Amino acid sequence: MKIKKGDTVKVIAGDSKGKEGKILEVLASANRVVVEGANMVSKHTKPNATSPNGGIIKQEAALHISNVMLIDPKSGKPTRVGRIKNAAGKLVRVAKISGEEIK
């Protein structure tokens, strides 16, 4: 996968189109990611130890990985991701727009 936990991404399709946020979780087997503040759903919960009153909780749901694009660290625009070998011979991710290495 070209996107990892902690990356900043922009949602490019769906109800949350245009929102930016950090990747909270990557579900590799399902090709999905959970983005902070995007694709919010209402979950009904019974009273339990963590929420004594229960009720309706807003939380992020998973998005398909094709619906998000990584934000270029240099320009701040959405970009595709490539992989090249650096000087040490290790494969690193790079932004296609600027050629900047993605940490």
PDB file of N, CA and C in Angstrom:
ATOM      1  N   MET A   1       0.833  -1.182   0.000  1.00  0.00           N
ATOM      2  CA  MET A   1       0.000   0.000   0.000  1.00  0.00           C
ATOM      3  C   MET A   1       0.880   1.248   0.000  1.00  0.00           C
ATOM      4  N   LYS A   2       0.388   2.264  -0.663  1.00  0.00           N
ATOM      5  CA  LYS A   2       1.163   3.495  -0.776  1.00  0.00           C
ATOM      6  C   LYS A   2       0.786   4.522   0.281  1.00  0.00           C
ATOM      7  N   ILE A   3      -0.233   4.209   1.075  1.00  0.00           N
ATOM      8  CA  ILE A   3      -0.669   5.115   2.139  1.00  0.00           C
ATOM      9  C   ILE A   3      -0.504   4.402   3.472  1.00  0.00           C
ATOM     10  N   LYS A   4       0.020   5.130   4.468  1.00  0.00           N
ATOM     11  CA  LYS A   4       0.272   4.540   5.777  1.00  0.00           C
ATOM     12  C   LYS A   4      -0.433   5.337   6.875  1.00  0.00           C
ATOM     13  N   LYS A   5      -0.518   4.741   8.048  1.00  0.00           N
ATOM     14  CA  LYS A   5      -1.104   5.401   9.216  1.00  0.00           C
ATOM     15  C   LYS A   5      -0.296   6.656   9.535  1.00  0.00           C
ATOM     16  N   GLY A   6      -1.010   7.762   9.788  1.00  0.00           N
ATOM     17  CA  GLY A   6      -0.345   9.015  10.117  1.00  0.00           C
ATOM     18  C   GLY A   6      -0.179   9.958   8.939  1.00  0.00           C
ATOM     19  N   ASP A   7      -0.369   9.477   7.703  1.00  0.00           N
ATOM     20  CA  ASP A   7      -0.278  10.342   6.523  1.00  0.00           C
ATOM     21  C   ASP A   7      -1.451  11.314   6.486  1.00  0.00           C
ATOM     22  N   THR A   8      -1.228  12.482   5.894  1.00  0.00           N
ATOM     23  CA  THR A   8      -2.305  13.442   5.681  1.00  0.00           C
ATOM     24  C   THR A   8      -2.862  13.225   4.283  1.00  0.00           C
ATOM     25  N   VAL A   9      -4.175  13.040   4.198  1.00  0.00           N
ATOM     26  CA  VAL A   9      -4.815  12.758   2.915  1.00  0.00           C
ATOM     27  C   VAL A   9      -5.997  13.686   2.685  1.00  0.00           C
ATOM     28  N   LYS A  10      -6.450  13.728   1.428  1.00  0.00           N
ATOM     29  CA  LYS A  10      -7.645  14.476   1.048  1.00  0.00           C
ATOM     30  C   LYS A  10      -8.634  13.490   0.445  1.00  0.00           C
ATOM     31  N   VAL A  11      -9.898  13.597   0.842  1.00  0.00           N
ATOM     32  CA  VAL A  11     -10.942  12.726   0.299  1.00  0.00           C
ATOM     33  C   VAL A  11     -11.354  13.290  -1.054  1.00  0.00           C
ATOM     34  N   ILE A  12     -11.327  12.460  -2.106  1.00  0.00           N
ATOM     35  CA  ILE A  12     -11.600  12.938  -3.464  1.00  0.00           C
ATOM     36  C   ILE A  12     -12.932  12.460  -4.014  1.00  0.00           C
ATOM     37  N   ALA A  13     -13.652  11.615  -3.246  1.00  0.00           N
ATOM     38  CA  ALA A  13     -14.948  11.125  -3.727  1.00  0.00           C
ATOM     39  C   ALA A  13     -15.842  10.793  -2.543  1.00  0.00           C
ATOM     40  N   GLY A  14     -17.148  10.855  -2.773  1.00  0.00           N
ATOM     41  CA  GLY A  14     -18.110  10.492  -1.736  1.00  0.00           C
ATOM     42  C   GLY A  14     -18.668  11.697  -1.015  1.00  0.00           C
ATOM     43  N   ASP A  15     -19.411  11.434   0.058  1.00  0.00           N
ATOM     44  CA  ASP A  15     -20.078  12.495   0.818  1.00  0.00           C
ATOM     45  C   ASP A  15     -19.083  13.430   1.506  1.00  0.00           C
ATOM     46  N   SER A  16     -17.915  12.935   1.846  1.00  0.00           N
ATOM     47  CA  SER A  16     -16.898  13.735   2.546  1.00  0.00           C
ATOM     48  C   SER A  16     -15.889  14.356   1.589  1.00  0.00           C
ATOM     49  N   LYS A  17     -16.241  14.461   0.314  1.00  0.00           N
ATOM     50  CA  LYS A  17     -15.316  14.974  -0.701  1.00  0.00           C
ATOM     51  C   LYS A  17     -14.788  16.353  -0.309  1.00  0.00           C
ATOM     52  N   GLY A  18     -13.455  16.519  -0.409  1.00  0.00           N
ATOM     53  CA  GLY A  18     -12.823  17.794  -0.102  1.00  0.00           C
ATOM     54  C   GLY A  18     -12.253  17.888   1.299  1.00  0.00           C
ATOM     55  N   LYS A  19     -12.633  16.993   2.196  1.00  0.00           N
ATOM     56  CA  LYS A  19     -12.125  17.040   3.568  1.00  0.00           C
ATOM     57  C   LYS A  19     -10.706  16.489   3.626  1.00  0.00           C
ATOM     58  N   GLU A  20      -9.910  17.070   4.526  1.00  0.00           N
ATOM     59  CA  GLU A  20      -8.547  16.604   4.747  1.00  0.00           C
ATOM     60  C   GLU A  20      -8.422  16.110   6.174  1.00  0.00           C
ATOM     61  N   GLY A  21      -7.576  15.121   6.367  1.00  0.00           N
ATOM     62  CA  GLY A  21      -7.359  14.603   7.708  1.00  0.00           C
ATOM     63  C   GLY A  21      -6.258  13.564   7.715  1.00  0.00           C
ATOM     64  N   LYS A  22      -5.902  13.137   8.919  1.00  0.00           N
ATOM     65  CA  LYS A  22      -4.867  12.126   9.091  1.00  0.00           C
ATOM     66  C   LYS A  22      -5.478  10.736   9.011  1.00  0.00           C
ATOM     67  N   ILE A  23      -4.675   9.784   8.552  1.00  0.00           N
ATOM     68  CA  ILE A  23      -5.088   8.390   8.539  1.00  0.00           C
ATOM     69  C   ILE A  23      -4.993   7.861   9.967  1.00  0.00           C
ATOM     70  N   LEU A  24      -6.114   7.377  10.500  1.00  0.00           N
ATOM     71  CA  LEU A  24      -6.137   6.818  11.843  1.00  0.00           C
ATOM     72  C   LEU A  24      -5.866   5.323  11.824  1.00  0.00           C
ATOM     73  N   GLU A  25      -6.297   4.658  10.740  1.00  0.00           N
ATOM     74  CA  GLU A  25      -6.181   3.205  10.671  1.00  0.00           C
ATOM     75  C   GLU A  25      -6.171   2.778   9.210  1.00  0.00           C
ATOM     76  N   VAL A  26      -5.376   1.763   8.890  1.00  0.00           N
ATOM     77  CA  VAL A  26      -5.336   1.195   7.547  1.00  0.00           C
ATOM     78  C   VAL A  26      -5.806  -0.250   7.645  1.00  0.00           C
ATOM     79  N   LEU A  27      -6.849  -0.581   6.885  1.00  0.00           N
ATOM     80  CA  LEU A  27      -7.377  -1.945   6.844  1.00  0.00           C
ATOM     81  C   LEU A  27      -6.929  -2.558   5.517  1.00  0.00           C
ATOM     82  N   ALA A  28      -5.729  -3.118   5.500  1.00  0.00           N
ATOM     83  CA  ALA A  28      -5.088  -3.578   4.258  1.00  0.00           C
ATOM     84  C   ALA A  28      -5.868  -4.693   3.577  1.00  0.00           C
ATOM     85  N   SER A  29      -6.433  -5.608   4.349  1.00  0.00           N
ATOM     86  CA  SER A  29      -7.133  -6.747   3.760  1.00  0.00           C
ATOM     87  C   SER A  29      -8.392  -6.315   3.013  1.00  0.00           C
ATOM     88  N   ALA A  30      -9.005  -5.225   3.440  1.00  0.00           N
ATOM     89  CA  ALA A  30     -10.233  -4.730   2.810  1.00  0.00           C
ATOM     90  C   ALA A  30      -9.980  -3.535   1.901  1.00  0.00           C
ATOM     91  N   ASN A  31      -8.705  -3.099   1.753  1.00  0.00           N
ATOM     92  CA  ASN A  31      -8.344  -1.921   0.950  1.00  0.00           C
ATOM     93  C   ASN A  31      -9.098  -0.676   1.417  1.00  0.00           C
ATOM     94  N   ARG A  32      -9.158  -0.478   2.725  1.00  0.00           N
ATOM     95  CA  ARG A  32      -9.881   0.652   3.285  1.00  0.00           C
ATOM     96  C   ARG A  32      -9.019   1.395   4.301  1.00  0.00           C
ATOM     97  N   VAL A  33      -9.360   2.671   4.506  1.00  0.00           N
ATOM     98  CA  VAL A  33      -8.672   3.497   5.494  1.00  0.00           C
ATOM     99  C   VAL A  33      -9.710   4.267   6.299  1.00  0.00           C
ATOM    100  N   VAL A  34      -9.345   4.619   7.537  1.00  0.00           N
ATOM    101  CA  VAL A  34     -10.190   5.456   8.386  1.00  0.00           C
ATOM    102  C   VAL A  34      -9.501   6.813   8.480  1.00  0.00           C
ATOM    103  N   VAL A  35     -10.207   7.870   8.034  1.00  0.00           N
ATOM    104  CA  VAL A  35      -9.650   9.219   7.995  1.00  0.00           C
ATOM    105  C   VAL A  35     -10.298  10.061   9.087  1.00  0.00           C
ATOM    106  N   GLU A  36      -9.468  10.807   9.818  1.00  0.00           N
ATOM    107  CA  GLU A  36      -9.925  11.650  10.918  1.00  0.00           C
ATOM    108  C   GLU A  36     -10.899  12.723  10.409  1.00  0.00           C
ATOM    109  N   GLY A  37     -12.121  12.724  10.929  1.00  0.00           N
ATOM    110  CA  GLY A  37     -13.110  13.746  10.592  1.00  0.00           C
ATOM    111  C   GLY A  37     -13.850  13.531   9.283  1.00  0.00           C
ATOM    112  N   ALA A  38     -13.615  12.419   8.599  1.00  0.00           N
ATOM    113  CA  ALA A  38     -14.286  12.159   7.319  1.00  0.00           C
ATOM    114  C   ALA A  38     -15.173  10.922   7.437  1.00  0.00           C
ATOM    115  N   ASN A  39     -16.252  10.893   6.656  1.00  0.00           N
ATOM    116  CA  ASN A  39     -17.181   9.761   6.603  1.00  0.00           C
ATOM    117  C   ASN A  39     -17.742   9.447   7.985  1.00  0.00           C
ATOM    118  N   MET A  40     -18.273  10.478   8.634  1.00  0.00           N
ATOM    119  CA  MET A  40     -18.825  10.317   9.976  1.00  0.00           C
ATOM    120  C   MET A  40     -20.169   9.589   9.918  1.00  0.00           C
ATOM    121  N   VAL A  41     -20.343   8.616  10.810  1.00  0.00           N
ATOM    122  CA  VAL A  41     -21.596   7.869  10.907  1.00  0.00           C
ATOM    123  C   VAL A  41     -22.090   7.923  12.349  1.00  0.00           C
ATOM    124  N   SER A  42     -23.399   7.705  12.533  1.00  0.00           N
ATOM    125  CA  SER A  42     -23.989   7.675  13.873  1.00  0.00           C
ATOM    126  C   SER A  42     -24.086   6.224  14.323  1.00  0.00           C
ATOM    127  N   LYS A  43     -23.573   5.953  15.508  1.00  0.00           N
ATOM    128  CA  LYS A  43     -23.630   4.603  16.055  1.00  0.00           C
ATOM    129  C   LYS A  43     -24.441   4.635  17.339  1.00  0.00           C
ATOM    130  N   HIS A  44     -25.435   3.766  17.436  1.00  0.00           N
ATOM    131  CA  HIS A  44     -26.275   3.685  18.625  1.00  0.00           C
ATOM    132  C   HIS A  44     -25.630   2.724  19.610  1.00  0.00           C
ATOM    133  N   THR A  45     -25.428   3.177  20.850  1.00  0.00           N
ATOM    134  CA  THR A  45     -24.759   2.338  21.834  1.00  0.00           C
ATOM    135  C   THR A  45     -25.615   2.167  23.083  1.00  0.00           C
ATOM    136  N   LYS A  46     -25.506   0.983  23.664  1.00  0.00           N
ATOM    137  CA  LYS A  46     -26.156   0.709  24.940  1.00  0.00           C
ATOM    138  C   LYS A  46     -25.278   1.265  26.053  1.00  0.00           C
ATOM    139  N   PRO A  47     -25.843   1.514  27.198  1.00  0.00           N
ATOM    140  CA  PRO A  47     -25.009   1.945  28.328  1.00  0.00           C
ATOM    141  C   PRO A  47     -23.981   0.862  28.682  1.00  0.00           C
ATOM    142  N   ASN A  48     -22.717   1.289  28.876  1.00  0.00           N
ATOM    143  CA  ASN A  48     -21.661   0.366  29.294  1.00  0.00           C
ATOM    144  C   ASN A  48     -20.647   1.133  30.133  1.00  0.00           C
ATOM    145  N   ALA A  49     -19.520   0.517  30.429  1.00  0.00           N
ATOM    146  CA  ALA A  49     -18.525   1.143  31.305  1.00  0.00           C
ATOM    147  C   ALA A  49     -17.942   2.422  30.690  1.00  0.00           C
ATOM    148  N   THR A  50     -17.704   2.428  29.376  1.00  0.00           N
ATOM    149  CA  THR A  50     -17.101   3.610  28.747  1.00  0.00           C
ATOM    150  C   THR A  50     -18.098   4.736  28.549  1.00  0.00           C
ATOM    151  N   SER A  51     -19.347   4.401  28.205  1.00  0.00           N
ATOM    152  CA  SER A  51     -20.385   5.435  28.082  1.00  0.00           C
ATOM    153  C   SER A  51     -21.572   5.025  28.952  1.00  0.00           C
ATOM    154  N   PRO A  52     -21.620   5.538  30.194  1.00  0.00           N
ATOM    155  CA  PRO A  52     -22.644   5.098  31.149  1.00  0.00           C
ATOM    156  C   PRO A  52     -24.073   5.402  30.710  1.00  0.00           C
ATOM    157  N   ASN A  53     -24.272   6.453  29.920  1.00  0.00           N
ATOM    158  CA  ASN A  53     -25.628   6.796  29.481  1.00  0.00           C
ATOM    159  C   ASN A  53     -26.012   6.129  28.171  1.00  0.00           C
ATOM    160  N   GLY A  54     -25.022   5.689  27.377  1.00  0.00           N
ATOM    161  CA  GLY A  54     -25.326   5.155  26.063  1.00  0.00           C
ATOM    162  C   GLY A  54     -25.719   6.288  25.140  1.00  0.00           C
ATOM    163  N   GLY A  55     -26.490   5.995  24.109  1.00  0.00           N
ATOM    164  CA  GLY A  55     -26.967   7.025  23.196  1.00  0.00           C
ATOM    165  C   GLY A  55     -26.350   6.909  21.812  1.00  0.00           C
ATOM    166  N   ILE A  56     -26.374   8.026  21.098  1.00  0.00           N
ATOM    167  CA  ILE A  56     -25.890   8.057  19.716  1.00  0.00           C
ATOM    168  C   ILE A  56     -24.512   8.712  19.701  1.00  0.00           C
ATOM    169  N   ILE A  57     -23.543   8.006  19.133  1.00  0.00           N
ATOM    170  CA  ILE A  57     -22.159   8.494  19.063  1.00  0.00           C
ATOM    171  C   ILE A  57     -21.772   8.679  17.602  1.00  0.00           C
ATOM    172  N   LYS A  58     -21.137   9.812  17.301  1.00  0.00           N
ATOM    173  CA  LYS A  58     -20.614  10.054  15.951  1.00  0.00           C
ATOM    174  C   LYS A  58     -19.199   9.509  15.895  1.00  0.00           C
ATOM    175  N   GLN A  59     -18.886   8.704  14.845  1.00  0.00           N
ATOM    176  CA  GLN A  59     -17.538   8.190  14.689  1.00  0.00           C
ATOM    177  C   GLN A  59     -17.203   8.019  13.215  1.00  0.00           C
ATOM    178  N   GLU A  60     -15.910   7.911  12.919  1.00  0.00           N
ATOM    179  CA  GLU A  60     -15.457   7.767  11.537  1.00  0.00           C
ATOM    180  C   GLU A  60     -15.658   6.337  11.065  1.00  0.00           C
ATOM    181  N   ALA A  61     -16.089   6.192   9.816  1.00  0.00           N
ATOM    182  CA  ALA A  61     -16.205   4.880   9.195  1.00  0.00           C
ATOM    183  C   ALA A  61     -15.122   4.768   8.122  1.00  0.00           C
ATOM    184  N   ALA A  62     -14.861   3.558   7.685  1.00  0.00           N
ATOM    185  CA  ALA A  62     -13.798   3.318   6.715  1.00  0.00           C
ATOM    186  C   ALA A  62     -14.204   3.791   5.318  1.00  0.00           C
ATOM    187  N   LEU A  63     -13.202   4.290   4.584  1.00  0.00           N
ATOM    188  CA  LEU A  63     -13.367   4.698   3.182  1.00  0.00           C
ATOM    189  C   LEU A  63     -12.515   3.780   2.321  1.00  0.00           C
ATOM    190  N   HIS A  64     -12.905   3.578   1.071  1.00  0.00           N
ATOM    191  CA  HIS A  64     -12.048   2.804   0.168  1.00  0.00           C
ATOM    192  C   HIS A  64     -10.809   3.618  -0.144  1.00  0.00           C
ATOM    193  N   ILE A  65      -9.702   2.930  -0.283  1.00  0.00           N
ATOM    194  CA  ILE A  65      -8.414   3.603  -0.461  1.00  0.00           C
ATOM    195  C   ILE A  65      -8.351   4.404  -1.762  1.00  0.00           C
ATOM    196  N   SER A  66      -9.163   4.035  -2.747  1.00  0.00           N
ATOM    197  CA  SER A  66      -9.171   4.759  -4.025  1.00  0.00           C
ATOM    198  C   SER A  66      -9.847   6.122  -3.900  1.00  0.00           C
ATOM    199  N   ASN A  67     -10.550   6.374  -2.799  1.00  0.00           N
ATOM    200  CA  ASN A  67     -11.251   7.637  -2.607  1.00  0.00           C
ATOM    201  C   ASN A  67     -10.445   8.681  -1.848  1.00  0.00           C
ATOM    202  N   VAL A  68      -9.169   8.390  -1.561  1.00  0.00           N
ATOM    203  CA  VAL A  68      -8.308   9.354  -0.886  1.00  0.00           C
ATOM    204  C   VAL A  68      -7.011   9.530  -1.666  1.00  0.00           C
ATOM    205  N   MET A  69      -6.433  10.740  -1.566  1.00  0.00           N
ATOM    206  CA  MET A  69      -5.137  11.034  -2.183  1.00  0.00           C
ATOM    207  C   MET A  69      -4.231  11.657  -1.131  1.00  0.00           C
ATOM    208  N   LEU A  70      -2.976  11.277  -1.182  1.00  0.00           N
ATOM    209  CA  LEU A  70      -1.983  11.805  -0.258  1.00  0.00           C
ATOM    210  C   LEU A  70      -1.722  13.277  -0.546  1.00  0.00           C
ATOM    211  N   ILE A  71      -1.485  14.063   0.501  1.00  0.00           N
ATOM    212  CA  ILE A  71      -1.162  15.485   0.347  1.00  0.00           C
ATOM    213  C   ILE A  71       0.346  15.625   0.185  1.00  0.00           C
ATOM    214  N   ASP A  72       0.762  16.348  -0.860  1.00  0.00           N
ATOM    215  CA  ASP A  72       2.182  16.601  -1.130  1.00  0.00           C
ATOM    216  C   ASP A  72       2.776  17.433   0.007  1.00  0.00           C
ATOM    217  N   PRO A  73       3.874  16.989   0.628  1.00  0.00           N
ATOM    218  CA  PRO A  73       4.443  17.747   1.748  1.00  0.00           C
ATOM    219  C   PRO A  73       5.002  19.109   1.338  1.00  0.00           C
ATOM    220  N   LYS A  74       5.349  19.279   0.073  1.00  0.00           N
ATOM    221  CA  LYS A  74       5.937  20.540  -0.386  1.00  0.00           C
ATOM    222  C   LYS A  74       4.868  21.551  -0.812  1.00  0.00           C
ATOM    223  N   SER A  75       3.950  21.123  -1.693  1.00  0.00           N
ATOM    224  CA  SER A  75       2.966  22.054  -2.253  1.00  0.00           C
ATOM    225  C   SER A  75       1.638  22.074  -1.502  1.00  0.00           C
ATOM    226  N   GLY A  76       1.331  21.021  -0.774  1.00  0.00           N
ATOM    227  CA  GLY A  76       0.063  20.956  -0.049  1.00  0.00           C
ATOM    228  C   GLY A  76      -1.111  20.535  -0.909  1.00  0.00           C
ATOM    229  N   LYS A  77      -0.839  20.068  -2.131  1.00  0.00           N
ATOM    230  CA  LYS A  77      -1.890  19.616  -3.040  1.00  0.00           C
ATOM    231  C   LYS A  77      -1.943  18.087  -3.061  1.00  0.00           C
ATOM    232  N   PRO A  78      -3.093  17.521  -3.451  1.00  0.00           N
ATOM    233  CA  PRO A  78      -3.175  16.061  -3.569  1.00  0.00           C
ATOM    234  C   PRO A  78      -2.236  15.571  -4.672  1.00  0.00           C
ATOM    235  N   THR A  79      -1.599  14.444  -4.427  1.00  0.00           N
ATOM    236  CA  THR A  79      -0.642  13.909  -5.384  1.00  0.00           C
ATOM    237  C   THR A  79      -0.692  12.392  -5.409  1.00  0.00           C
ATOM    238  N   ARG A  80      -0.206  11.842  -6.512  1.00  0.00           N
ATOM    239  CA  ARG A  80      -0.026  10.401  -6.580  1.00  0.00           C
ATOM    240  C   ARG A  80       1.294  10.062  -5.900  1.00  0.00           C
ATOM    241  N   VAL A  81       1.484   8.790  -5.619  1.00  0.00           N
ATOM    242  CA  VAL A  81       2.671   8.360  -4.882  1.00  0.00           C
ATOM    243  C   VAL A  81       3.469   7.393  -5.743  1.00  0.00           C
ATOM    244  N   GLY A  82       4.793   7.631  -5.787  1.00  0.00           N
ATOM    245  CA  GLY A  82       5.689   6.717  -6.477  1.00  0.00           C
ATOM    246  C   GLY A  82       6.698   6.162  -5.494  1.00  0.00           C
ATOM    247  N   ARG A  83       7.487   5.191  -5.945  1.00  0.00           N
ATOM    248  CA  ARG A  83       8.521   4.619  -5.101  1.00  0.00           C
ATOM    249  C   ARG A  83       9.823   4.585  -5.880  1.00  0.00           C
ATOM    250  N   ILE A  84      10.889   5.119  -5.274  1.00  0.00           N
ATOM    251  CA  ILE A  84      12.210   5.076  -5.892  1.00  0.00           C
ATOM    252  C   ILE A  84      13.243   4.687  -4.833  1.00  0.00           C
ATOM    253  N   LYS A  85      14.428   4.292  -5.301  1.00  0.00           N
ATOM    254  CA  LYS A  85      15.514   3.984  -4.375  1.00  0.00           C
ATOM    255  C   LYS A  85      16.254   5.262  -4.047  1.00  0.00           C
ATOM    256  N   ASN A  86      16.541   5.460  -2.755  1.00  0.00           N
ATOM    257  CA  ASN A  86      17.298   6.644  -2.348  1.00  0.00           C
ATOM    258  C   ASN A  86      18.795   6.347  -2.420  1.00  0.00           C
ATOM    259  N   ALA A  87      19.609   7.266  -1.935  1.00  0.00           N
ATOM    260  CA  ALA A  87      21.064   7.113  -2.011  1.00  0.00           C
ATOM    261  C   ALA A  87      21.563   5.883  -1.255  1.00  0.00           C
ATOM    262  N   ALA A  88      20.855   5.516  -0.198  1.00  0.00           N
ATOM    263  CA  ALA A  88      21.246   4.346   0.591  1.00  0.00           C
ATOM    264  C   ALA A  88      20.780   3.039  -0.031  1.00  0.00           C
ATOM    265  N   GLY A  89      20.031   3.118  -1.145  1.00  0.00           N
ATOM    266  CA  GLY A  89      19.537   1.923  -1.815  1.00  0.00           C
ATOM    267  C   GLY A  89      18.238   1.393  -1.240  1.00  0.00           C
ATOM    268  N   LYS A  90      17.569   2.191  -0.395  1.00  0.00           N
ATOM    269  CA  LYS A  90      16.308   1.786   0.222  1.00  0.00           C
ATOM    270  C   LYS A  90      15.143   2.377  -0.559  1.00  0.00           C
ATOM    271  N   LEU A  91      14.065   1.593  -0.713  1.00  0.00           N
ATOM    272  CA  LEU A  91      12.873   2.096  -1.399  1.00  0.00           C
ATOM    273  C   LEU A  91      12.159   3.106  -0.508  1.00  0.00           C
ATOM    274  N   VAL A  92      11.879   4.284  -1.057  1.00  0.00           N
ATOM    275  CA  VAL A  92      11.154   5.318  -0.322  1.00  0.00           C
ATOM    276  C   VAL A  92       9.986   5.809  -1.167  1.00  0.00           C
ATOM    277  N   ARG A  93       8.964   6.340  -0.487  1.00  0.00           N
ATOM    278  CA  ARG A  93       7.813   6.909  -1.181  1.00  0.00           C
ATOM    279  C   ARG A  93       8.125   8.346  -1.564  1.00  0.00           C
ATOM    280  N   VAL A  94       7.719   8.734  -2.789  1.00  0.00           N
ATOM    281  CA  VAL A  94       7.911  10.110  -3.248  1.00  0.00           C
ATOM    282  C   VAL A  94       6.612  10.630  -3.842  1.00  0.00           C
ATOM    283  N   ALA A  95       6.397  11.949  -3.729  1.00  0.00           N
ATOM    284  CA  ALA A  95       5.241  12.607  -4.322  1.00  0.00           C
ATOM    285  C   ALA A  95       5.526  12.813  -5.810  1.00  0.00           C
ATOM    286  N   LYS A  96       4.593  12.460  -6.669  1.00  0.00           N
ATOM    287  CA  LYS A  96       4.784  12.584  -8.111  1.00  0.00           C
ATOM    288  C   LYS A  96       4.855  14.043  -8.558  1.00  0.00           C
ATOM    289  N   ILE A  97       4.156  14.958  -7.862  1.00  0.00           N
ATOM    290  CA  ILE A  97       4.140  16.356  -8.271  1.00  0.00           C
ATOM    291  C   ILE A  97       5.486  17.023  -8.039  1.00  0.00           C
ATOM    292  N   SER A  98       6.004  16.925  -6.812  1.00  0.00           N
ATOM    293  CA  SER A  98       7.228  17.655  -6.470  1.00  0.00           C
ATOM    294  C   SER A  98       8.471  16.794  -6.458  1.00  0.00           C
ATOM    295  N   GLY A  99       8.319  15.490  -6.389  1.00  0.00           N
ATOM    296  CA  GLY A  99       9.469  14.613  -6.262  1.00  0.00           C
ATOM    297  C   GLY A  99       9.999  14.542  -4.845  1.00  0.00           C
ATOM    298  N   GLU A 100       9.293  15.179  -3.893  1.00  0.00           N
ATOM    299  CA  GLU A 100       9.686  15.234  -2.491  1.00  0.00           C
ATOM    300  C   GLU A 100       9.476  13.876  -1.831  1.00  0.00           C
ATOM    301  N   GLU A 101      10.435  13.467  -0.987  1.00  0.00           N
ATOM    302  CA  GLU A 101      10.289  12.206  -0.258  1.00  0.00           C
ATOM    303  C   GLU A 101       9.218  12.351   0.814  1.00  0.00           C
ATOM    304  N   ILE A 102       8.395  11.324   0.960  1.00  0.00           N
ATOM    305  CA  ILE A 102       7.322  11.340   1.959  1.00  0.00           C
ATOM    306  C   ILE A 102       7.820  10.579   3.181  1.00  0.00           C
ATOM    307  N   LYS A 103       7.842  11.273   4.304  1.00  0.00           N
ATOM    308  CA  LYS A 103       8.346  10.660   5.536  1.00  0.00           C
ATOM    309  C   LYS A 103       7.269   9.879   6.229  1.00  0.00           C
TER     310      LYS A 103
END
